[in-house]
C-alpha cells in the first residue's frame, strides 16, 4: 500500500486540503486568518484564500513523516529568512499561532494526538486517511505514467 512517502507531496497536500475543507467541520480558519502573516520573515499575508486548509494538510503530512514532532520544530519547518537590509539575512521561525491553532484543530478532528512530552503523532484515523489518499494518487499517476506500476 502506498504511503505519503511514495507520492509527490504537492499533489497529496492539494488533495488532502480539499478533503479537509469539504468533509471535516472541525477544520475552520480562525477570524484572523485572512489578514495575518505566516511569520516575521513574510512580507504580506498569503494570497490564497484557502491557505488555512493547505497549511493544515501540510502539517498533517509533516507530522506523519517526521512525528513525533512538537510545535517549536514545526515552526522551524515553516520559517524563512528575514531581510535585514544591507546586513546579512537570518533565519526566523514561522508564526506560532498559525501552527498551534491548526494542530489543535487536527486534534479536535482526531487526526493527531499528543505523545507525552515528545510532541504530536498521527492517529490511526489520520494514518488511514493519508494512506487512502496516497493510494488514489498513485493509481492516478500510474494511469498517466504506466512505468510507475513496477514500484
N, C-alpha and C. Protein backbone atom coordinates (compact mmCIF):
# COMPACT_ATOMS: atom_id res chain seq x y z
N UNK A 1 0.84 -1.18 0.00
CA UNK A 1 0.00 0.00 0.00
C UNK A 1 0.89 1.24 0.00
N UNK A 2 0.63 2.16 -0.91
CA UNK A 2 1.41 3.40 -0.95
C UNK A 2 1.15 4.27 0.28
N UNK A 3 2.18 4.97 0.70
CA UNK A 3 2.10 5.88 1.84
C UNK A 3 2.46 7.29 1.36
N UNK A 4 2.34 8.30 2.22
CA UNK A 4 2.76 9.65 1.82
C UNK A 4 4.24 9.75 1.43
N UNK A 5 5.04 8.76 1.79
CA UNK A 5 6.44 8.75 1.37
C UNK A 5 6.56 8.45 -0.13
N UNK A 6 5.56 7.78 -0.69
CA UNK A 6 5.65 7.25 -2.05
C UNK A 6 5.05 8.14 -3.13
N UNK A 7 4.37 9.21 -2.74
CA UNK A 7 3.72 10.07 -3.73
C UNK A 7 4.27 11.49 -3.59
N UNK A 8 4.17 12.30 -4.65
CA UNK A 8 4.65 13.68 -4.55
C UNK A 8 3.88 14.47 -3.49
N UNK A 9 4.60 15.20 -2.67
CA UNK A 9 4.00 15.94 -1.56
C UNK A 9 3.01 16.99 -2.04
N UNK A 10 3.32 17.68 -3.13
CA UNK A 10 2.45 18.76 -3.60
C UNK A 10 1.07 18.23 -4.00
N UNK A 11 1.03 17.09 -4.66
CA UNK A 11 -0.25 16.51 -5.08
C UNK A 11 -1.03 16.04 -3.86
N UNK A 12 -0.34 15.39 -2.92
CA UNK A 12 -1.01 14.90 -1.72
C UNK A 12 -1.58 16.05 -0.90
N UNK A 13 -0.83 17.12 -0.75
CA UNK A 13 -1.29 18.25 0.07
C UNK A 13 -2.50 18.92 -0.57
N UNK A 14 -2.51 19.07 -1.90
CA UNK A 14 -3.68 19.67 -2.57
C UNK A 14 -4.92 18.82 -2.36
N UNK A 15 -4.78 17.51 -2.54
CA UNK A 15 -5.93 16.62 -2.40
C UNK A 15 -6.40 16.56 -0.94
N UNK A 16 -5.46 16.53 -0.01
CA UNK A 16 -5.80 16.48 1.41
C UNK A 16 -6.46 17.78 1.86
N UNK A 17 -5.99 18.92 1.36
CA UNK A 17 -6.60 20.20 1.71
C UNK A 17 -8.04 20.26 1.23
N UNK A 18 -8.29 19.76 0.03
CA UNK A 18 -9.66 19.73 -0.48
C UNK A 18 -10.53 18.82 0.38
N UNK A 19 -9.99 17.68 0.80
CA UNK A 19 -10.74 16.76 1.66
C UNK A 19 -11.05 17.42 3.01
N UNK A 20 -10.07 18.07 3.61
CA UNK A 20 -10.27 18.72 4.91
C UNK A 20 -11.33 19.82 4.80
N UNK A 21 -11.31 20.58 3.72
CA UNK A 21 -12.26 21.66 3.54
C UNK A 21 -13.68 21.13 3.36
N UNK A 22 -13.83 20.07 2.57
CA UNK A 22 -15.15 19.57 2.23
C UNK A 22 -15.77 18.67 3.29
N UNK A 23 -14.96 17.91 4.03
CA UNK A 23 -15.50 16.83 4.86
C UNK A 23 -15.38 17.03 6.37
N UNK A 24 -14.49 17.87 6.84
CA UNK A 24 -14.29 17.99 8.29
C UNK A 24 -14.76 19.35 8.79
N UNK A 25 -15.73 19.33 9.69
CA UNK A 25 -16.27 20.58 10.24
C UNK A 25 -15.36 21.18 11.30
N UNK A 26 -14.45 20.38 11.87
CA UNK A 26 -13.55 20.89 12.91
C UNK A 26 -12.48 21.81 12.36
N UNK A 27 -12.16 21.67 11.07
CA UNK A 27 -11.12 22.47 10.45
C UNK A 27 -11.77 23.72 9.84
N UNK A 28 -11.63 24.84 10.53
CA UNK A 28 -12.17 26.12 10.03
C UNK A 28 -11.11 27.20 10.26
N UNK A 29 -10.96 28.10 9.30
CA UNK A 29 -9.98 29.17 9.50
C UNK A 29 -10.41 30.09 10.64
N UNK A 30 -9.49 30.51 11.49
CA UNK A 30 -9.84 31.48 12.53
C UNK A 30 -10.17 32.83 11.91
N UNK A 31 -10.81 33.70 12.67
CA UNK A 31 -11.21 35.01 12.10
C UNK A 31 -10.03 35.85 11.63
N UNK A 32 -8.86 35.66 12.20
CA UNK A 32 -7.70 36.46 11.83
C UNK A 32 -6.94 35.90 10.63
N UNK A 33 -7.34 34.76 10.10
CA UNK A 33 -6.60 34.09 9.02
C UNK A 33 -6.45 34.93 7.75
N UNK A 34 -7.45 35.71 7.32
CA UNK A 34 -7.26 36.45 6.06
C UNK A 34 -6.24 37.59 6.13
N UNK A 35 -5.92 38.07 7.32
CA UNK A 35 -5.07 39.25 7.41
C UNK A 35 -3.71 38.99 8.06
N UNK A 36 -3.47 37.80 8.57
CA UNK A 36 -2.24 37.54 9.32
C UNK A 36 -1.10 37.10 8.39
N UNK A 37 0.11 37.51 8.75
CA UNK A 37 1.29 36.99 8.06
C UNK A 37 1.62 35.62 8.67
N UNK A 38 2.33 34.81 7.95
CA UNK A 38 2.65 33.47 8.45
C UNK A 38 3.93 33.44 9.25
N UNK A 39 4.59 34.56 9.43
CA UNK A 39 5.81 34.63 10.23
C UNK A 39 6.48 35.98 10.05
N UNK A 40 7.50 36.23 10.87
CA UNK A 40 8.18 37.53 10.78
C UNK A 40 9.01 37.66 9.51
N UNK A 41 9.27 36.56 8.85
CA UNK A 41 10.03 36.60 7.61
C UNK A 41 9.15 36.95 6.40
N UNK A 42 7.84 36.82 6.54
CA UNK A 42 6.92 37.10 5.43
C UNK A 42 6.63 38.60 5.35
N UNK A 43 6.48 39.08 4.13
CA UNK A 43 6.18 40.49 3.95
C UNK A 43 4.69 40.77 3.95
N UNK A 44 3.90 39.81 3.42
CA UNK A 44 2.46 40.02 3.31
C UNK A 44 1.73 38.72 3.67
N UNK A 45 0.43 38.81 3.91
CA UNK A 45 -0.36 37.60 4.17
C UNK A 45 -0.41 36.72 2.92
N UNK A 46 -0.74 35.44 3.07
CA UNK A 46 -0.86 34.57 1.89
C UNK A 46 -1.94 35.07 0.93
N UNK A 47 -1.71 34.88 -0.37
CA UNK A 47 -2.67 35.33 -1.37
C UNK A 47 -3.80 34.33 -1.58
N UNK A 48 -3.55 33.07 -1.31
CA UNK A 48 -4.56 32.03 -1.48
C UNK A 48 -5.60 32.15 -0.36
N UNK A 49 -6.88 32.33 -0.69
CA UNK A 49 -7.88 32.45 0.37
C UNK A 49 -8.07 31.17 1.18
N UNK A 50 -7.72 30.03 0.62
CA UNK A 50 -7.84 28.75 1.32
C UNK A 50 -6.51 28.28 1.90
N UNK A 51 -5.63 29.21 2.25
CA UNK A 51 -4.31 28.83 2.74
C UNK A 51 -4.39 28.05 4.04
N UNK A 52 -5.41 28.27 4.83
CA UNK A 52 -5.52 27.58 6.11
C UNK A 52 -5.63 26.07 5.92
N UNK A 53 -6.44 25.64 4.95
CA UNK A 53 -6.63 24.21 4.70
C UNK A 53 -5.35 23.60 4.14
N UNK A 54 -4.64 24.36 3.31
CA UNK A 54 -3.36 23.89 2.78
C UNK A 54 -2.36 23.72 3.91
N UNK A 55 -2.33 24.67 4.85
CA UNK A 55 -1.40 24.58 5.98
C UNK A 55 -1.74 23.39 6.87
N UNK A 56 -3.03 23.16 7.12
CA UNK A 56 -3.44 22.01 7.94
C UNK A 56 -3.05 20.70 7.27
N UNK A 57 -3.26 20.62 5.95
CA UNK A 57 -2.89 19.42 5.21
C UNK A 57 -1.38 19.21 5.25
N UNK A 58 -0.63 20.27 5.07
CA UNK A 58 0.82 20.18 5.11
C UNK A 58 1.32 19.76 6.49
N UNK A 59 0.70 20.30 7.54
CA UNK A 59 1.07 19.93 8.90
C UNK A 59 0.79 18.45 9.16
N UNK A 60 -0.36 17.98 8.70
CA UNK A 60 -0.71 16.58 8.90
C UNK A 60 0.31 15.67 8.21
N UNK A 61 0.72 16.03 7.00
CA UNK A 61 1.73 15.23 6.30
C UNK A 61 3.08 15.29 7.02
N UNK A 62 3.47 16.47 7.48
CA UNK A 62 4.75 16.59 8.18
C UNK A 62 4.76 15.79 9.48
N UNK A 63 3.65 15.81 10.21
CA UNK A 63 3.57 15.03 11.44
C UNK A 63 3.64 13.55 11.13
N UNK A 64 3.03 13.13 10.02
CA UNK A 64 3.10 11.72 9.60
C UNK A 64 4.54 11.33 9.29
N UNK A 65 5.22 12.16 8.53
CA UNK A 65 6.56 11.82 8.05
C UNK A 65 7.61 11.98 9.15
N UNK A 66 7.53 13.05 9.96
CA UNK A 66 8.59 13.36 10.91
C UNK A 66 8.21 13.14 12.36
N UNK A 67 6.98 12.68 12.63
CA UNK A 67 6.50 12.57 14.01
C UNK A 67 7.20 11.51 14.81
N UNK A 68 7.19 11.60 16.13
CA UNK A 68 6.60 12.68 16.91
C UNK A 68 7.41 13.97 16.79
N UNK A 69 6.66 15.06 16.61
CA UNK A 69 7.27 16.36 16.39
C UNK A 69 6.46 17.41 17.14
N UNK A 70 7.15 18.39 17.72
CA UNK A 70 6.50 19.41 18.53
C UNK A 70 6.24 20.70 17.75
N UNK A 71 5.58 21.62 18.41
CA UNK A 71 5.20 22.89 17.79
C UNK A 71 6.44 23.71 17.41
N UNK A 72 7.44 23.74 18.28
CA UNK A 72 8.64 24.52 18.01
C UNK A 72 9.36 24.03 16.75
N UNK A 73 9.48 22.73 16.60
CA UNK A 73 10.13 22.17 15.40
C UNK A 73 9.28 22.42 14.16
N UNK A 74 7.95 22.37 14.31
CA UNK A 74 7.08 22.67 13.17
C UNK A 74 7.18 24.14 12.78
N UNK A 75 7.33 25.03 13.76
CA UNK A 75 7.52 26.44 13.44
C UNK A 75 8.79 26.63 12.62
N UNK A 76 9.84 25.90 12.96
CA UNK A 76 11.08 25.99 12.21
C UNK A 76 10.89 25.52 10.77
N UNK A 77 10.05 24.50 10.58
CA UNK A 77 9.79 23.98 9.24
C UNK A 77 9.13 25.03 8.34
N UNK A 78 8.30 25.89 8.94
CA UNK A 78 7.57 26.89 8.17
C UNK A 78 8.21 28.27 8.25
N UNK A 79 9.41 28.35 8.73
CA UNK A 79 10.12 29.62 8.83
C UNK A 79 10.76 30.01 7.52
N UNK A 80 11.56 31.06 7.58
CA UNK A 80 12.24 31.55 6.39
C UNK A 80 13.34 32.52 6.78
N UNK A 81 13.84 33.22 5.78
CA UNK A 81 14.93 34.16 6.02
C UNK A 81 14.38 35.56 6.04
N UNK A 82 14.75 36.32 7.07
CA UNK A 82 14.27 37.69 7.20
C UNK A 82 15.27 38.63 6.54
N UNK A 83 14.73 39.56 5.74
CA UNK A 83 15.56 40.53 5.04
C UNK A 83 15.88 41.67 6.00
N UNK A 84 17.18 41.89 6.25
CA UNK A 84 17.60 42.92 7.20
C UNK A 84 18.31 44.06 6.50
N UNK A 85 17.93 44.33 5.28
CA UNK A 85 18.55 45.43 4.53
C UNK A 85 19.94 45.06 4.05
N UNK A 86 20.94 45.88 4.40
CA UNK A 86 22.29 45.62 3.94
C UNK A 86 23.00 44.59 4.82
N UNK A 87 22.43 44.28 5.96
CA UNK A 87 23.02 43.28 6.85
C UNK A 87 22.69 41.88 6.35
N UNK A 88 23.44 40.87 6.76
CA UNK A 88 23.15 39.51 6.31
C UNK A 88 21.77 39.03 6.79
N UNK A 89 21.16 38.17 6.00
CA UNK A 89 19.87 37.62 6.37
C UNK A 89 20.03 36.61 7.50
N UNK A 90 18.96 36.45 8.29
CA UNK A 90 18.96 35.47 9.37
C UNK A 90 17.69 34.65 9.29
N UNK A 91 17.78 33.42 9.75
CA UNK A 91 16.62 32.53 9.75
C UNK A 91 15.66 32.92 10.87
N UNK A 92 14.38 32.80 10.60
CA UNK A 92 13.34 33.05 11.59
C UNK A 92 12.35 31.90 11.55
N UNK A 93 11.78 31.61 12.70
CA UNK A 93 10.74 30.60 12.75
C UNK A 93 9.45 31.17 12.18
N UNK A 94 8.56 30.27 11.76
CA UNK A 94 7.24 30.69 11.30
C UNK A 94 6.38 31.10 12.48
N UNK A 95 5.23 31.66 12.18
CA UNK A 95 4.31 32.11 13.22
C UNK A 95 3.80 30.96 14.07
N UNK A 96 3.80 31.14 15.38
CA UNK A 96 3.40 30.07 16.28
C UNK A 96 1.91 29.87 16.37
N UNK A 97 1.13 30.94 16.31
CA UNK A 97 -0.32 30.82 16.46
C UNK A 97 -0.92 30.00 15.32
N UNK A 98 -0.46 30.23 14.09
CA UNK A 98 -1.00 29.50 12.94
C UNK A 98 -0.73 28.01 13.08
N UNK A 99 0.46 27.65 13.48
CA UNK A 99 0.80 26.23 13.64
C UNK A 99 0.04 25.64 14.82
N UNK A 100 0.02 26.34 15.92
CA UNK A 100 -0.62 25.82 17.14
C UNK A 100 -2.12 25.62 16.94
N UNK A 101 -2.81 26.62 16.37
CA UNK A 101 -4.26 26.51 16.16
C UNK A 101 -4.59 25.42 15.14
N UNK A 102 -3.77 25.29 14.11
CA UNK A 102 -4.01 24.25 13.10
C UNK A 102 -3.85 22.86 13.71
N UNK A 103 -2.82 22.68 14.54
CA UNK A 103 -2.61 21.38 15.18
C UNK A 103 -3.74 21.10 16.17
N UNK A 104 -4.22 22.13 16.87
CA UNK A 104 -5.34 21.93 17.78
C UNK A 104 -6.59 21.51 17.02
N UNK A 105 -6.81 22.07 15.84
CA UNK A 105 -7.96 21.67 15.04
C UNK A 105 -7.80 20.24 14.52
N UNK A 106 -6.58 19.87 14.16
CA UNK A 106 -6.34 18.49 13.72
C UNK A 106 -6.56 17.51 14.88
N UNK A 107 -6.23 17.93 16.11
CA UNK A 107 -6.51 17.10 17.29
C UNK A 107 -8.01 16.97 17.51
N UNK A 108 -8.75 18.07 17.34
CA UNK A 108 -10.20 18.03 17.51
C UNK A 108 -10.85 17.12 16.47
N UNK A 109 -10.25 17.01 15.30
CA UNK A 109 -10.76 16.13 14.25
C UNK A 109 -10.26 14.70 14.42
N UNK A 110 -9.54 14.42 15.50
CA UNK A 110 -8.96 13.10 15.84
C UNK A 110 -8.03 12.57 14.75
N UNK A 111 -7.30 13.45 14.10
CA UNK A 111 -6.30 13.03 13.13
C UNK A 111 -4.90 13.02 13.74
N UNK A 112 -4.72 13.78 14.83
CA UNK A 112 -3.43 13.91 15.50
C UNK A 112 -3.67 13.79 17.00
N UNK A 113 -2.69 13.23 17.72
CA UNK A 113 -2.79 13.17 19.18
C UNK A 113 -1.43 13.46 19.79
N UNK A 114 -1.42 14.00 21.03
CA UNK A 114 -0.14 14.25 21.70
C UNK A 114 0.47 12.95 22.21
N UNK A 115 1.79 12.90 22.24
CA UNK A 115 2.52 11.74 22.72
C UNK A 115 3.41 12.18 23.87
N UNK A 116 2.78 12.45 25.02
CA UNK A 116 3.53 12.89 26.19
C UNK A 116 4.26 14.19 25.92
N UNK A 117 5.53 14.25 26.31
CA UNK A 117 6.35 15.44 26.08
C UNK A 117 7.13 15.37 24.78
N UNK A 118 6.86 14.39 23.96
CA UNK A 118 7.63 14.19 22.73
C UNK A 118 7.05 14.92 21.53
N UNK A 119 5.82 15.40 21.62
CA UNK A 119 5.20 16.09 20.50
C UNK A 119 3.92 15.43 20.08
N UNK A 120 3.57 15.59 18.80
CA UNK A 120 2.33 15.04 18.26
C UNK A 120 2.64 13.91 17.29
N UNK A 121 1.72 12.95 17.21
CA UNK A 121 1.79 11.87 16.24
C UNK A 121 0.43 11.73 15.56
N UNK A 122 0.42 11.09 14.41
CA UNK A 122 -0.82 10.88 13.68
C UNK A 122 -1.56 9.70 14.28
N UNK A 123 -2.88 9.83 14.43
CA UNK A 123 -3.70 8.75 14.97
C UNK A 123 -3.96 7.71 13.88
N UNK A 124 -4.64 6.65 14.26
CA UNK A 124 -4.97 5.60 13.29
C UNK A 124 -5.88 6.15 12.20
N UNK A 125 -6.84 7.01 12.58
CA UNK A 125 -7.74 7.60 11.58
C UNK A 125 -6.96 8.48 10.59
N UNK A 126 -6.03 9.28 11.12
CA UNK A 126 -5.23 10.13 10.25
C UNK A 126 -4.34 9.33 9.32
N UNK A 127 -3.75 8.26 9.85
CA UNK A 127 -2.89 7.39 9.03
C UNK A 127 -3.71 6.74 7.92
N UNK A 128 -4.91 6.29 8.25
CA UNK A 128 -5.78 5.67 7.26
C UNK A 128 -6.14 6.66 6.16
N UNK A 129 -6.48 7.89 6.55
CA UNK A 129 -6.82 8.93 5.58
C UNK A 129 -5.66 9.20 4.64
N UNK A 130 -4.48 9.40 5.18
CA UNK A 130 -3.31 9.69 4.35
C UNK A 130 -2.96 8.51 3.44
N UNK A 131 -3.05 7.31 3.95
CA UNK A 131 -2.73 6.13 3.13
C UNK A 131 -3.76 5.95 2.01
N UNK A 132 -5.02 6.21 2.30
CA UNK A 132 -6.07 6.09 1.29
C UNK A 132 -5.87 7.11 0.17
N UNK A 133 -5.60 8.36 0.55
CA UNK A 133 -5.36 9.39 -0.46
C UNK A 133 -4.10 9.09 -1.26
N UNK A 134 -3.07 8.56 -0.61
CA UNK A 134 -1.83 8.22 -1.31
C UNK A 134 -2.08 7.11 -2.32
N UNK A 135 -2.91 6.14 -1.96
CA UNK A 135 -3.24 5.05 -2.88
C UNK A 135 -3.97 5.60 -4.11
N UNK A 136 -4.94 6.50 -3.90
CA UNK A 136 -5.67 7.09 -5.02
C UNK A 136 -4.73 7.87 -5.93
N UNK A 137 -3.83 8.64 -5.33
CA UNK A 137 -2.89 9.44 -6.11
C UNK A 137 -1.97 8.54 -6.92
N UNK A 138 -1.49 7.47 -6.31
CA UNK A 138 -0.59 6.55 -7.02
C UNK A 138 -1.30 5.90 -8.19
N UNK A 139 -2.58 5.52 -8.01
CA UNK A 139 -3.34 4.93 -9.12
C UNK A 139 -3.52 5.94 -10.25
N UNK A 140 -3.80 7.19 -9.91
CA UNK A 140 -3.94 8.22 -10.94
C UNK A 140 -2.62 8.45 -11.68
N UNK A 141 -1.52 8.45 -10.94
CA UNK A 141 -0.21 8.64 -11.58
C UNK A 141 0.16 7.45 -12.47
N UNK A 142 -0.25 6.24 -12.07
CA UNK A 142 0.03 5.05 -12.89
C UNK A 142 -0.72 5.11 -14.21
N UNK A 143 -1.91 5.72 -14.20
CA UNK A 143 -2.66 5.87 -15.45
C UNK A 143 -1.95 6.83 -16.39
N UNK A 144 -1.38 7.90 -15.83
CA UNK A 144 -0.66 8.87 -16.64
C UNK A 144 0.70 8.36 -17.09
N UNK A 145 1.40 7.68 -16.17
CA UNK A 145 2.76 7.19 -16.45
C UNK A 145 2.78 5.69 -16.16
N UNK A 146 2.54 4.83 -17.15
CA UNK A 146 2.44 3.39 -16.91
C UNK A 146 3.71 2.77 -16.33
N UNK A 147 4.86 3.40 -16.51
CA UNK A 147 6.12 2.83 -15.99
C UNK A 147 6.16 2.80 -14.48
N UNK A 148 5.28 3.56 -13.79
CA UNK A 148 5.28 3.58 -12.34
C UNK A 148 4.67 2.33 -11.72
N UNK A 149 4.03 1.47 -12.51
CA UNK A 149 3.37 0.29 -11.96
C UNK A 149 4.34 -0.69 -11.31
N UNK A 150 5.57 -0.68 -11.73
CA UNK A 150 6.53 -1.63 -11.17
C UNK A 150 7.01 -1.24 -9.78
N UNK A 151 6.67 -0.05 -9.30
CA UNK A 151 7.11 0.40 -7.98
C UNK A 151 6.08 0.16 -6.93
